[in-house]
Amino acid sequence: MDKERLKAEQDILERKMPENSYRFMDLDTTKPYLVLAAKTNHGNVCSLRIELDEFPNNVPKLYVKSKIILKSGQSIPENDEFWNTLYHKDGMIGIRHYGQNSWTPMVSLYNVYLRGKMWLENYDNYMYNNSFVYA
């Protein structure tokens, strides 16, 4: 991500989110990422991580950093269509958010965040109500 795009993304986040709810990390390395806090309608606060090494040209990897378990106490499975999960990495769960066919370099990090927040809302609805809300 070049400096101009970084500035544009920072401007969007500054307008849409509280300043202390996100942080760009390791921008001067080959593995930069963005960490964001997401508060669900049930009041749960979770951390999301968006990897920026191939952004904006490719779909960035999106992880839920917070502990996510099922009512049974088991971890949410990897590569699961029902849960829209992809992979586990360092205790985080990767979630599907944009497919290759729907991705364009014009998608903002804020929009990726919104997809992660929607996933968390669905998880909360499952935990509290045994139901899902799909957009």
N, C-alpha and C. Protein backbone atom coordinates (compact mmCIF):
# COMPACT_ATOMS: atom_id res chain seq x y z
N MET A 1 0.86 -1.17 0.00
CA MET A 1 0.00 0.00 0.00
C MET A 1 0.90 1.23 0.00
N ASP A 2 0.67 2.10 -0.95
CA ASP A 2 1.50 3.30 -1.02
C ASP A 2 1.02 4.34 0.00
N LYS A 3 1.81 5.38 0.19
CA LYS A 3 1.53 6.41 1.21
C LYS A 3 0.21 7.15 0.92
N GLU A 4 -0.09 7.36 -0.35
CA GLU A 4 -1.33 8.06 -0.71
C GLU A 4 -2.55 7.22 -0.31
N ARG A 5 -2.49 5.93 -0.56
CA ARG A 5 -3.60 5.06 -0.20
C ARG A 5 -3.71 4.94 1.32
N LEU A 6 -2.59 4.84 2.00
CA LEU A 6 -2.60 4.78 3.46
C LEU A 6 -3.28 6.01 4.03
N LYS A 7 -2.95 7.18 3.51
CA LYS A 7 -3.56 8.43 3.98
C LYS A 7 -5.07 8.40 3.74
N ALA A 8 -5.50 7.94 2.57
CA ALA A 8 -6.93 7.85 2.26
C ALA A 8 -7.64 6.90 3.24
N GLU A 9 -7.02 5.77 3.53
CA GLU A 9 -7.61 4.79 4.46
C GLU A 9 -7.68 5.38 5.87
N GLN A 10 -6.63 6.07 6.29
CA GLN A 10 -6.62 6.70 7.60
C GLN A 10 -7.72 7.76 7.70
N ASP A 11 -7.90 8.53 6.64
CA ASP A 11 -8.96 9.55 6.62
C ASP A 11 -10.34 8.93 6.78
N ILE A 12 -10.58 7.83 6.09
CA ILE A 12 -11.88 7.14 6.19
C ILE A 12 -12.10 6.64 7.61
N LEU A 13 -11.09 5.98 8.17
CA LEU A 13 -11.22 5.45 9.53
C LEU A 13 -11.42 6.56 10.55
N GLU A 14 -10.73 7.68 10.38
CA GLU A 14 -10.89 8.81 11.30
C GLU A 14 -12.32 9.35 11.29
N ARG A 15 -12.95 9.33 10.12
CA ARG A 15 -14.33 9.82 10.00
C ARG A 15 -15.35 8.83 10.55
N LYS A 16 -15.06 7.55 10.45
CA LYS A 16 -16.05 6.52 10.75
C LYS A 16 -15.91 5.87 12.12
N MET A 17 -14.73 5.95 12.72
CA MET A 17 -14.48 5.19 13.94
C MET A 17 -13.81 6.04 15.01
N PRO A 18 -14.01 5.69 16.27
CA PRO A 18 -13.27 6.39 17.33
C PRO A 18 -11.76 6.19 17.15
N GLU A 19 -11.00 7.21 17.44
CA GLU A 19 -9.55 7.19 17.21
C GLU A 19 -8.85 6.04 17.92
N ASN A 20 -9.28 5.71 19.10
CA ASN A 20 -8.59 4.67 19.88
C ASN A 20 -9.09 3.26 19.56
N SER A 21 -9.90 3.08 18.51
CA SER A 21 -10.45 1.77 18.21
C SER A 21 -9.72 1.04 17.09
N TYR A 22 -8.67 1.64 16.55
CA TYR A 22 -7.90 0.99 15.49
C TYR A 22 -6.45 1.46 15.55
N ARG A 23 -5.58 0.62 15.00
CA ARG A 23 -4.17 0.98 14.96
C ARG A 23 -3.48 0.23 13.81
N PHE A 24 -2.75 0.98 12.99
CA PHE A 24 -1.92 0.38 11.96
C PHE A 24 -0.63 -0.09 12.63
N MET A 25 -0.20 -1.30 12.27
CA MET A 25 0.97 -1.90 12.91
C MET A 25 1.99 -2.33 11.85
N ASP A 26 3.25 -2.23 12.19
CA ASP A 26 4.36 -2.75 11.39
C ASP A 26 4.33 -2.27 9.94
N LEU A 27 3.99 -1.00 9.74
CA LEU A 27 3.89 -0.48 8.38
C LEU A 27 5.21 -0.49 7.62
N ASP A 28 6.31 -0.45 8.32
CA ASP A 28 7.63 -0.43 7.67
C ASP A 28 8.22 -1.82 7.49
N THR A 29 7.38 -2.85 7.57
CA THR A 29 7.85 -4.23 7.41
C THR A 29 7.14 -4.87 6.21
N THR A 30 7.46 -6.11 5.96
CA THR A 30 6.80 -6.84 4.87
C THR A 30 5.47 -7.44 5.32
N LYS A 31 5.12 -7.32 6.59
CA LYS A 31 3.88 -7.88 7.14
C LYS A 31 3.07 -6.84 7.90
N PRO A 32 2.70 -5.74 7.24
CA PRO A 32 1.90 -4.73 7.94
C PRO A 32 0.48 -5.24 8.17
N TYR A 33 -0.17 -4.71 9.20
CA TYR A 33 -1.55 -5.09 9.47
C TYR A 33 -2.26 -3.99 10.23
N LEU A 34 -3.56 -4.12 10.27
CA LEU A 34 -4.42 -3.17 10.97
C LEU A 34 -5.21 -3.95 12.01
N VAL A 35 -5.24 -3.45 13.23
CA VAL A 35 -6.03 -4.05 14.30
C VAL A 35 -7.17 -3.09 14.62
N LEU A 36 -8.39 -3.63 14.71
CA LEU A 36 -9.57 -2.81 14.99
C LEU A 36 -10.41 -3.47 16.07
N ALA A 37 -11.02 -2.67 16.91
CA ALA A 37 -11.96 -3.17 17.90
C ALA A 37 -13.36 -3.08 17.32
N ALA A 38 -14.14 -4.12 17.54
CA ALA A 38 -15.52 -4.14 17.07
C ALA A 38 -16.43 -4.49 18.24
N LYS A 39 -17.38 -3.62 18.52
CA LYS A 39 -18.34 -3.86 19.59
C LYS A 39 -19.66 -4.31 18.98
N THR A 40 -20.14 -5.47 19.41
CA THR A 40 -21.38 -6.01 18.86
C THR A 40 -22.59 -5.38 19.56
N ASN A 41 -23.75 -5.63 18.99
CA ASN A 41 -24.99 -5.12 19.58
C ASN A 41 -25.27 -5.73 20.95
N HIS A 42 -24.64 -6.87 21.25
CA HIS A 42 -24.77 -7.48 22.58
C HIS A 42 -23.73 -6.94 23.56
N GLY A 43 -22.89 -6.02 23.08
CA GLY A 43 -21.90 -5.38 23.96
C GLY A 43 -20.56 -6.08 24.03
N ASN A 44 -20.39 -7.16 23.28
CA ASN A 44 -19.11 -7.85 23.27
C ASN A 44 -18.11 -7.10 22.41
N VAL A 45 -16.90 -6.96 22.89
CA VAL A 45 -15.85 -6.29 22.14
C VAL A 45 -14.85 -7.35 21.68
N CYS A 46 -14.60 -7.36 20.39
CA CYS A 46 -13.66 -8.31 19.80
C CYS A 46 -12.64 -7.55 18.98
N SER A 47 -11.49 -8.16 18.78
CA SER A 47 -10.45 -7.57 17.95
C SER A 47 -10.44 -8.24 16.59
N LEU A 48 -10.32 -7.41 15.56
CA LEU A 48 -10.16 -7.89 14.19
C LEU A 48 -8.78 -7.49 13.70
N ARG A 49 -8.22 -8.33 12.86
CA ARG A 49 -6.91 -8.04 12.27
C ARG A 49 -7.03 -8.18 10.76
N ILE A 50 -6.59 -7.14 10.04
CA ILE A 50 -6.57 -7.16 8.58
C ILE A 50 -5.12 -7.10 8.15
N GLU A 51 -4.67 -8.11 7.43
CA GLU A 51 -3.29 -8.13 6.94
C GLU A 51 -3.21 -7.28 5.67
N LEU A 52 -2.19 -6.45 5.61
CA LEU A 52 -2.10 -5.43 4.56
C LEU A 52 -1.00 -5.70 3.53
N ASP A 53 -0.32 -6.83 3.62
CA ASP A 53 0.83 -7.05 2.74
C ASP A 53 0.47 -7.07 1.25
N GLU A 54 -0.74 -7.46 0.88
CA GLU A 54 -1.14 -7.48 -0.53
C GLU A 54 -2.27 -6.49 -0.83
N PHE A 55 -2.68 -5.73 0.17
CA PHE A 55 -3.75 -4.74 0.01
C PHE A 55 -3.20 -3.52 -0.71
N PRO A 56 -3.91 -2.91 -1.63
CA PRO A 56 -5.31 -3.13 -2.01
C PRO A 56 -5.50 -4.01 -3.24
N ASN A 57 -4.42 -4.53 -3.81
CA ASN A 57 -4.55 -5.28 -5.06
C ASN A 57 -5.19 -6.65 -4.92
N ASN A 58 -5.09 -7.25 -3.75
CA ASN A 58 -5.69 -8.55 -3.48
C ASN A 58 -6.53 -8.50 -2.22
N VAL A 59 -7.43 -9.44 -2.09
CA VAL A 59 -8.28 -9.52 -0.91
C VAL A 59 -7.40 -9.70 0.33
N PRO A 60 -7.50 -8.79 1.30
CA PRO A 60 -6.68 -8.96 2.51
C PRO A 60 -7.25 -10.05 3.41
N LYS A 61 -6.36 -10.71 4.12
CA LYS A 61 -6.80 -11.71 5.09
C LYS A 61 -7.39 -10.98 6.29
N LEU A 62 -8.52 -11.48 6.75
CA LEU A 62 -9.24 -10.90 7.89
C LEU A 62 -9.35 -11.96 8.98
N TYR A 63 -8.90 -11.62 10.16
CA TYR A 63 -8.92 -12.55 11.29
C TYR A 63 -9.70 -11.98 12.46
N VAL A 64 -10.34 -12.87 13.20
CA VAL A 64 -10.89 -12.52 14.51
C VAL A 64 -9.82 -12.92 15.51
N LYS A 65 -9.31 -11.93 16.24
CA LYS A 65 -8.24 -12.19 17.20
C LYS A 65 -8.78 -12.69 18.53
N SER A 66 -10.01 -12.37 18.84
CA SER A 66 -10.61 -12.75 20.12
C SER A 66 -10.96 -14.23 20.11
N LYS A 67 -11.05 -14.81 21.29
CA LYS A 67 -11.39 -16.23 21.43
C LYS A 67 -12.83 -16.46 20.97
N ILE A 68 -12.99 -17.32 19.98
CA ILE A 68 -14.31 -17.63 19.44
C ILE A 68 -14.54 -19.12 19.60
N ILE A 69 -15.55 -19.47 20.39
CA ILE A 69 -15.88 -20.89 20.60
C ILE A 69 -17.38 -21.10 20.38
N LEU A 70 -17.73 -22.33 20.12
CA LEU A 70 -19.13 -22.69 19.98
C LEU A 70 -19.74 -22.95 21.35
N LYS A 71 -21.05 -23.06 21.40
CA LYS A 71 -21.72 -23.35 22.68
C LYS A 71 -21.24 -24.66 23.28
N SER A 72 -20.80 -25.58 22.43
CA SER A 72 -20.31 -26.88 22.89
C SER A 72 -18.93 -26.77 23.55
N GLY A 73 -18.29 -25.59 23.41
CA GLY A 73 -16.96 -25.40 23.95
C GLY A 73 -15.86 -25.67 22.93
N GLN A 74 -16.23 -26.18 21.77
CA GLN A 74 -15.25 -26.45 20.72
C GLN A 74 -14.93 -25.17 19.95
N SER A 75 -13.77 -25.17 19.31
CA SER A 75 -13.40 -24.06 18.44
C SER A 75 -14.23 -24.12 17.16
N ILE A 76 -14.46 -22.97 16.57
CA ILE A 76 -15.11 -22.94 15.26
C ILE A 76 -14.17 -23.59 14.27
N PRO A 77 -14.70 -24.49 13.43
CA PRO A 77 -13.83 -25.22 12.51
C PRO A 77 -13.25 -24.35 11.40
N GLU A 78 -12.10 -24.79 10.90
CA GLU A 78 -11.48 -24.13 9.76
C GLU A 78 -12.22 -24.51 8.48
N ASN A 79 -12.08 -23.66 7.46
CA ASN A 79 -12.63 -23.94 6.14
C ASN A 79 -14.07 -24.45 6.21
N ASP A 80 -14.89 -23.72 6.93
CA ASP A 80 -16.27 -24.14 7.15
C ASP A 80 -17.23 -23.19 6.44
N GLU A 81 -18.02 -23.74 5.50
CA GLU A 81 -18.97 -22.92 4.76
C GLU A 81 -20.04 -22.33 5.65
N PHE A 82 -20.55 -23.11 6.58
CA PHE A 82 -21.60 -22.65 7.47
C PHE A 82 -21.15 -21.43 8.26
N TRP A 83 -19.95 -21.49 8.78
CA TRP A 83 -19.42 -20.40 9.60
C TRP A 83 -18.67 -19.35 8.80
N ASN A 84 -18.48 -19.58 7.51
CA ASN A 84 -17.71 -18.66 6.67
C ASN A 84 -16.30 -18.45 7.20
N THR A 85 -15.69 -19.54 7.63
CA THR A 85 -14.31 -19.46 8.13
C THR A 85 -13.36 -20.02 7.09
N LEU A 86 -12.12 -19.61 7.21
CA LEU A 86 -11.09 -20.09 6.30
C LEU A 86 -10.04 -20.91 7.02
N TYR A 87 -9.25 -20.30 7.85
CA TYR A 87 -8.07 -20.94 8.43
C TYR A 87 -7.82 -20.37 9.81
N HIS A 88 -7.06 -21.12 10.58
CA HIS A 88 -6.61 -20.63 11.87
C HIS A 88 -5.15 -20.22 11.72
N LYS A 89 -4.77 -19.17 12.41
CA LYS A 89 -3.38 -18.71 12.40
C LYS A 89 -3.07 -18.08 13.74
N ASP A 90 -2.11 -18.63 14.43
CA ASP A 90 -1.65 -18.06 15.70
C ASP A 90 -2.80 -17.81 16.67
N GLY A 91 -3.74 -18.74 16.75
CA GLY A 91 -4.87 -18.61 17.66
C GLY A 91 -6.00 -17.74 17.14
N MET A 92 -5.86 -17.23 15.92
CA MET A 92 -6.92 -16.40 15.32
C MET A 92 -7.66 -17.23 14.29
N ILE A 93 -8.91 -16.85 14.02
CA ILE A 93 -9.70 -17.53 13.00
C ILE A 93 -9.87 -16.60 11.80
N GLY A 94 -9.52 -17.11 10.63
CA GLY A 94 -9.70 -16.34 9.40
C GLY A 94 -11.14 -16.45 8.93
N ILE A 95 -11.70 -15.34 8.52
CA ILE A 95 -13.09 -15.37 8.06
C ILE A 95 -13.20 -14.85 6.62
N ARG A 96 -14.17 -15.43 5.91
CA ARG A 96 -14.45 -14.99 4.54
C ARG A 96 -15.14 -13.64 4.60
N HIS A 97 -14.78 -12.76 3.67
CA HIS A 97 -15.44 -11.46 3.66
C HIS A 97 -15.68 -10.96 2.24
N TYR A 98 -14.74 -11.05 1.38
CA TYR A 98 -14.90 -10.71 -0.04
C TYR A 98 -14.29 -11.85 -0.83
N GLY A 99 -14.95 -12.26 -1.89
CA GLY A 99 -14.37 -13.25 -2.78
C GLY A 99 -13.50 -12.57 -3.83
N GLN A 100 -12.66 -13.36 -4.47
CA GLN A 100 -11.79 -12.81 -5.52
C GLN A 100 -12.61 -12.10 -6.60
N ASN A 101 -13.77 -12.67 -6.94
CA ASN A 101 -14.59 -12.10 -8.02
C ASN A 101 -15.28 -10.80 -7.63
N SER A 102 -15.46 -10.56 -6.35
CA SER A 102 -16.12 -9.33 -5.91
C SER A 102 -15.13 -8.27 -5.41
N TRP A 103 -13.86 -8.62 -5.38
CA TRP A 103 -12.86 -7.70 -4.87
C TRP A 103 -12.39 -6.73 -5.96
N THR A 104 -12.26 -5.47 -5.57
CA THR A 104 -11.58 -4.47 -6.42
C THR A 104 -10.64 -3.68 -5.51
N PRO A 105 -9.60 -3.09 -6.07
CA PRO A 105 -8.69 -2.29 -5.25
C PRO A 105 -9.36 -1.05 -4.64
N MET A 106 -10.58 -0.75 -5.03
CA MET A 106 -11.28 0.41 -4.50
C MET A 106 -11.99 0.11 -3.17
N VAL A 107 -12.05 -1.14 -2.76
CA VAL A 107 -12.68 -1.49 -1.49
C VAL A 107 -11.82 -0.95 -0.35
N SER A 108 -12.44 -0.27 0.58
CA SER A 108 -11.69 0.33 1.69
C SER A 108 -11.52 -0.66 2.85
N LEU A 109 -10.55 -0.37 3.67
CA LEU A 109 -10.37 -1.18 4.88
C LEU A 109 -11.58 -1.08 5.79
N TYR A 110 -12.24 0.05 5.78
CA TYR A 110 -13.45 0.20 6.59
C TYR A 110 -14.52 -0.78 6.13
N ASN A 111 -14.65 -0.99 4.82
CA ASN A 111 -15.62 -1.96 4.32
C ASN A 111 -15.25 -3.38 4.72
N VAL A 112 -13.97 -3.69 4.72
CA VAL A 112 -13.53 -5.00 5.20
C VAL A 112 -13.87 -5.14 6.68
N TYR A 113 -13.63 -4.10 7.46
CA TYR A 113 -14.00 -4.09 8.88
C TYR A 113 -15.49 -4.35 9.06
N LEU A 114 -16.33 -3.71 8.23
CA LEU A 114 -17.78 -3.91 8.35
C LEU A 114 -18.17 -5.37 8.11
N ARG A 115 -17.49 -6.02 7.18
CA ARG A 115 -17.76 -7.45 6.95
C ARG A 115 -17.37 -8.27 8.18
N GLY A 116 -16.27 -7.91 8.80
CA GLY A 116 -15.87 -8.61 10.02
C GLY A 116 -16.85 -8.37 11.15
N LYS A 117 -17.32 -7.15 11.27
CA LYS A 117 -18.30 -6.82 12.31
C LYS A 117 -19.60 -7.57 12.07
N MET A 118 -20.01 -7.68 10.81
CA MET A 118 -21.23 -8.43 10.49
C MET A 118 -21.07 -9.90 10.89
N TRP A 119 -19.88 -10.46 10.66
CA TRP A 119 -19.62 -11.84 11.05
C TRP A 119 -19.75 -11.97 12.57
N LEU A 120 -19.19 -11.01 13.31
CA LEU A 120 -19.28 -11.05 14.77
C LEU A 120 -20.72 -10.92 15.26
N GLU A 121 -21.52 -10.09 14.60
CA GLU A 121 -22.93 -9.96 14.96
C GLU A 121 -23.65 -11.29 14.77
N ASN A 122 -23.35 -11.97 13.68
CA ASN A 122 -23.97 -13.28 13.44
C ASN A 122 -23.54 -14.29 14.49
N TYR A 123 -22.26 -14.26 14.85
CA TYR A 123 -21.78 -15.15 15.89
C TYR A 123 -22.50 -14.87 17.21
N ASP A 124 -22.63 -13.60 17.58
CA ASP A 124 -23.34 -13.24 18.80
C ASP A 124 -24.80 -13.69 18.75
N ASN A 125 -25.45 -13.49 17.61
CA ASN A 125 -26.85 -13.94 17.51
C ASN A 125 -26.97 -15.44 17.68
N TYR A 126 -26.01 -16.18 17.16
CA TYR A 126 -26.01 -17.62 17.38
C TYR A 126 -25.84 -17.93 18.87
N MET A 127 -24.91 -17.27 19.52
CA MET A 127 -24.64 -17.56 20.93
C MET A 127 -25.81 -17.18 21.84
N TYR A 128 -26.49 -16.08 21.52
CA TYR A 128 -27.57 -15.60 22.38
C TYR A 128 -28.96 -16.12 21.98
N ASN A 129 -29.16 -16.32 20.67
CA ASN A 129 -30.51 -16.62 20.19
C ASN A 129 -30.64 -17.88 19.35
N ASN A 130 -29.53 -18.58 19.12
CA ASN A 130 -29.55 -19.73 18.21
C ASN A 130 -30.04 -19.36 16.81
N SER A 131 -29.78 -18.15 16.38
CA SER A 131 -30.20 -17.75 15.04
C SER A 131 -29.13 -16.89 14.40
N PHE A 132 -29.26 -16.67 13.11
CA PHE A 132 -28.32 -15.85 12.37
C PHE A 132 -29.08 -14.73 11.67
N VAL A 133 -28.38 -13.63 11.47
CA VAL A 133 -28.91 -12.52 10.71
C VAL A 133 -28.01 -12.35 9.50
N TYR A 134 -28.55 -12.54 8.33
CA TYR A 134 -27.75 -12.40 7.11
C TYR A 134 -28.12 -11.12 6.41
N ALA A 135 -27.10 -10.42 5.91
CA ALA A 135 -27.35 -9.17 5.18
C ALA A 135 -27.37 -9.46 3.69
